[in-house]
Amino acid sequence: MLFGYARVSTQDQNLNLQLDDLKKAGCQKIFQEKVSSAKERPQLGKLLEILREDDTVIVWKLDRLGRSLKELFTLVNDFQTQGIGFRSLNDAAPRWPLIPPLPKVAWCLTYLRHWPSLSVI
């Protein structure tokens, strides 16, 4: 199943652009939040609880999923380990499971250049 995750940081921001693109990408269920990534993200927690092997998580942009590169790498590596696909619609990021597994360090070094908006820690 294709799952989408959309997030904006404040109640004043609009999710419509993300939601439209996730629907166009074929997401059957979309989890959405209006909360800073520094706070609890209950919808992300619900998404992580229901994911199963062969599901795919799609985000509009990488910084919508992870607070930092470390968290993003952890989530994507967990997806890969569990046989869950991952895709970002607006970043030149790998698509799991369509590429062979890479060690965490190699994955980090290979794709770090695509995520200048994310903090390292």
C-alpha atoms as a PDB file:
ATOM      1  CA  MET A   1       0.000   0.000   0.000  1.00  0.00           C
ATOM      2  CA  LEU A   2       1.173   3.548  -0.708  1.00  0.00           C
ATOM      3  CA  PHE A   3       1.132   5.814   2.350  1.00  0.00           C
ATOM      4  CA  GLY A   4       1.731   9.556   2.265  1.00  0.00           C
ATOM      5  CA  TYR A   5       2.999  11.754   5.069  1.00  0.00           C
ATOM      6  CA  ALA A   6       2.481  15.528   4.933  1.00  0.00           C
ATOM      7  CA  ARG A   7       3.529  18.050   7.565  1.00  0.00           C
ATOM      8  CA  VAL A   8       3.678  21.792   7.993  1.00  0.00           C
ATOM      9  CA  SER A   9       5.264  23.498  10.983  1.00  0.00           C
ATOM     10  CA  THR A  10       2.494  25.868  12.049  1.00  0.00           C
ATOM     11  CA  GLN A  11      -1.297  26.012  12.087  1.00  0.00           C
ATOM     12  CA  ASP A  12      -1.141  28.996   9.696  1.00  0.00           C
ATOM     13  CA  GLN A  13       0.536  27.003   6.941  1.00  0.00           C
ATOM     14  CA  ASN A  14      -1.385  25.066   4.320  1.00  0.00           C
ATOM     15  CA  LEU A  15      -1.033  21.362   3.488  1.00  0.00           C
ATOM     16  CA  ASN A  16      -2.889  21.533   0.162  1.00  0.00           C
ATOM     17  CA  LEU A  17       0.142  21.469  -2.161  1.00  0.00           C
ATOM     18  CA  GLN A  18       1.623  18.456  -0.369  1.00  0.00           C
ATOM     19  CA  LEU A  19      -1.734  16.656  -0.251  1.00  0.00           C
ATOM     20  CA  ASP A  20      -2.420  17.238  -3.948  1.00  0.00           C
ATOM     21  CA  ASP A  21       0.988  15.889  -4.972  1.00  0.00           C
ATOM     22  CA  LEU A  22       0.726  12.875  -2.663  1.00  0.00           C
ATOM     23  CA  LYS A  23      -2.694  12.038  -4.119  1.00  0.00           C
ATOM     24  CA  LYS A  24      -1.294  12.357  -7.659  1.00  0.00           C
ATOM     25  CA  ALA A  25       1.499   9.962  -6.641  1.00  0.00           C
ATOM     26  CA  GLY A  26      -1.155   7.361  -5.817  1.00  0.00           C
ATOM     27  CA  CYS A  27      -1.145   7.450  -2.017  1.00  0.00           C
ATOM     28  CA  GLN A  28      -4.095   5.474  -0.718  1.00  0.00           C
ATOM     29  CA  LYS A  29      -3.854   6.900   2.799  1.00  0.00           C
ATOM     30  CA  ILE A  30      -2.217  10.162   3.809  1.00  0.00           C
ATOM     31  CA  PHE A  31      -1.205  11.069   7.338  1.00  0.00           C
ATOM     32  CA  GLN A  32      -1.075  14.819   7.889  1.00  0.00           C
ATOM     33  CA  GLU A  33       0.088  17.086  10.679  1.00  0.00           C
ATOM     34  CA  LYS A  34       0.339  20.771  11.485  1.00  0.00           C
ATOM     35  CA  VAL A  35       3.088  20.642  14.066  1.00  0.00           C
ATOM     36  CA  SER A  36       6.732  21.604  14.373  1.00  0.00           C
ATOM     37  CA  SER A  37       9.085  18.685  13.837  1.00  0.00           C
ATOM     38  CA  ALA A  38      10.575  19.481  17.258  1.00  0.00           C
ATOM     39  CA  LYS A  39       7.327  18.436  18.935  1.00  0.00           C
ATOM     40  CA  GLU A  40       5.583  15.097  19.144  1.00  0.00           C
ATOM     41  CA  ARG A  41       4.234  13.971  15.796  1.00  0.00           C
ATOM     42  CA  PRO A  42       1.330  11.641  16.601  1.00  0.00           C
ATOM     43  CA  GLN A  43       0.353  11.066  12.972  1.00  0.00           C
ATOM     44  CA  LEU A  44       3.881   9.971  12.095  1.00  0.00           C
ATOM     45  CA  GLY A  45       3.734   7.572  15.030  1.00  0.00           C
ATOM     46  CA  LYS A  46       0.458   6.121  13.725  1.00  0.00           C
ATOM     47  CA  LEU A  47       1.956   5.723  10.263  1.00  0.00           C
ATOM     48  CA  LEU A  48       5.009   3.916  11.626  1.00  0.00           C
ATOM     49  CA  GLU A  49       2.774   1.564  13.633  1.00  0.00           C
ATOM     50  CA  ILE A  50       0.754   0.341  10.652  1.00  0.00           C
ATOM     51  CA  LEU A  51       3.518  -0.045   8.058  1.00  0.00           C
ATOM     52  CA  ARG A  52       4.125  -3.580   6.810  1.00  0.00           C
ATOM     53  CA  GLU A  53       6.522  -5.219   4.387  1.00  0.00           C
ATOM     54  CA  ASP A  54       5.931  -4.127   0.762  1.00  0.00           C
ATOM     55  CA  ASP A  55       4.249  -0.860   1.823  1.00  0.00           C
ATOM     56  CA  THR A  56       5.771   2.393   0.563  1.00  0.00           C
ATOM     57  CA  VAL A  57       6.041   5.742   2.354  1.00  0.00           C
ATOM     58  CA  ILE A  58       5.941   8.824   0.145  1.00  0.00           C
ATOM     59  CA  VAL A  59       6.757  12.337   1.356  1.00  0.00           C
ATOM     60  CA  TRP A  60       6.539  15.620  -0.508  1.00  0.00           C
ATOM     61  CA  LYS A  61      10.034  16.616   0.625  1.00  0.00           C
ATOM     62  CA  LEU A  62      12.606  14.945   2.869  1.00  0.00           C
ATOM     63  CA  ASP A  63      12.508  17.632   5.544  1.00  0.00           C
ATOM     64  CA  ARG A  64       8.816  16.852   6.086  1.00  0.00           C
ATOM     65  CA  LEU A  65       9.774  13.439   7.505  1.00  0.00           C
ATOM     66  CA  GLY A  66      12.959  13.935   9.526  1.00  0.00           C
ATOM     67  CA  ARG A  67      13.992  16.582  12.058  1.00  0.00           C
ATOM     68  CA  SER A  68      17.617  15.969  11.213  1.00  0.00           C
ATOM     69  CA  LEU A  69      19.702  13.889   8.855  1.00  0.00           C
ATOM     70  CA  LYS A  70      20.316  11.445  11.666  1.00  0.00           C
ATOM     71  CA  GLU A  71      16.596  10.886  12.219  1.00  0.00           C
ATOM     72  CA  LEU A  72      15.921  10.717   8.480  1.00  0.00           C
ATOM     73  CA  PHE A  73      18.662   8.126   7.957  1.00  0.00           C
ATOM     74  CA  THR A  74      17.377   6.087  10.880  1.00  0.00           C
ATOM     75  CA  LEU A  75      13.817   6.080   9.538  1.00  0.00           C
ATOM     76  CA  VAL A  76      14.830   5.221   5.974  1.00  0.00           C
ATOM     77  CA  ASN A  77      17.192   2.468   7.128  1.00  0.00           C
ATOM     78  CA  ASP A  78      14.417   1.070   9.331  1.00  0.00           C
ATOM     79  CA  PHE A  79      12.122   1.097   6.295  1.00  0.00           C
ATOM     80  CA  GLN A  80      14.714  -0.734   4.244  1.00  0.00           C
ATOM     81  CA  THR A  81      15.298  -3.338   6.963  1.00  0.00           C
ATOM     82  CA  GLN A  82      11.544  -3.978   7.191  1.00  0.00           C
ATOM     83  CA  GLY A  83      11.070  -4.216   3.420  1.00  0.00           C
ATOM     84  CA  ILE A  84       9.199  -0.902   3.251  1.00  0.00           C
ATOM     85  CA  GLY A  85       9.715   1.355   0.251  1.00  0.00           C
ATOM     86  CA  PHE A  86      10.438   5.071   0.535  1.00  0.00           C
ATOM     87  CA  ARG A  87      10.171   7.939  -1.913  1.00  0.00           C
ATOM     88  CA  SER A  88      10.436  11.716  -1.827  1.00  0.00           C
ATOM     89  CA  LEU A  89       8.561  13.575  -4.560  1.00  0.00           C
ATOM     90  CA  ASN A  90      10.753  16.690  -4.652  1.00  0.00           C
ATOM     91  CA  ASP A  91      14.256  15.567  -3.728  1.00  0.00           C
ATOM     92  CA  ALA A  92      16.847  13.641  -5.681  1.00  0.00           C
ATOM     93  CA  ALA A  93      16.713  10.856  -3.121  1.00  0.00           C
ATOM     94  CA  PRO A  94      16.960   7.110  -3.454  1.00  0.00           C
ATOM     95  CA  ARG A  95      13.798   5.094  -3.913  1.00  0.00           C
ATOM     96  CA  TRP A  96      13.692   2.044  -1.710  1.00  0.00           C
ATOM     97  CA  PRO A  97      13.610  -0.849  -2.495  1.00  0.00           C
ATOM     98  CA  LEU A  98      14.494  -0.071  -6.118  1.00  0.00           C
ATOM     99  CA  ILE A  99      18.217   0.331  -5.450  1.00  0.00           C
ATOM    100  CA  PRO A 100      20.490  -2.144  -3.697  1.00  0.00           C
ATOM    101  CA  PRO A 101      21.036  -1.699   0.042  1.00  0.00           C
ATOM    102  CA  LEU A 102      23.932   0.538   1.032  1.00  0.00           C
ATOM    103  CA  PRO A 103      25.631   0.704   4.399  1.00  0.00           C
ATOM    104  CA  LYS A 104      24.433   3.687   6.440  1.00  0.00           C
ATOM    105  CA  VAL A 105      27.664   5.632   5.972  1.00  0.00           C
ATOM    106  CA  ALA A 106      27.710   5.108   2.203  1.00  0.00           C
ATOM    107  CA  TRP A 107      24.057   6.118   1.939  1.00  0.00           C
ATOM    108  CA  CYS A 108      24.756   9.243   3.979  1.00  0.00           C
ATOM    109  CA  LEU A 109      27.767  10.318   1.938  1.00  0.00           C
ATOM    110  CA  THR A 110      26.131   9.527  -1.379  1.00  0.00           C
ATOM    111  CA  TYR A 111      22.958  11.532  -0.810  1.00  0.00           C
ATOM    112  CA  LEU A 112      23.999  14.213   1.689  1.00  0.00           C
ATOM    113  CA  ARG A 113      24.494  16.770  -1.050  1.00  0.00           C
ATOM    114  CA  HIS A 114      20.762  16.669  -1.858  1.00  0.00           C
ATOM    115  CA  TRP A 115      19.590  17.823   1.567  1.00  0.00           C
ATOM    116  CA  PRO A 116      21.079  21.219   2.376  1.00  0.00           C
ATOM    117  CA  SER A 117      17.934  22.304   4.265  1.00  0.00           C
ATOM    118  CA  LEU A 118      18.284  19.636   6.954  1.00  0.00           C
ATOM    119  CA  SER A 119      20.430  20.002  10.037  1.00  0.00           C
ATOM    120  CA  VAL A 120      23.079  17.367  10.587  1.00  0.00           C
ATOM    121  CA  ILE A 121      22.261  16.625  14.228  1.00  0.00           C
END
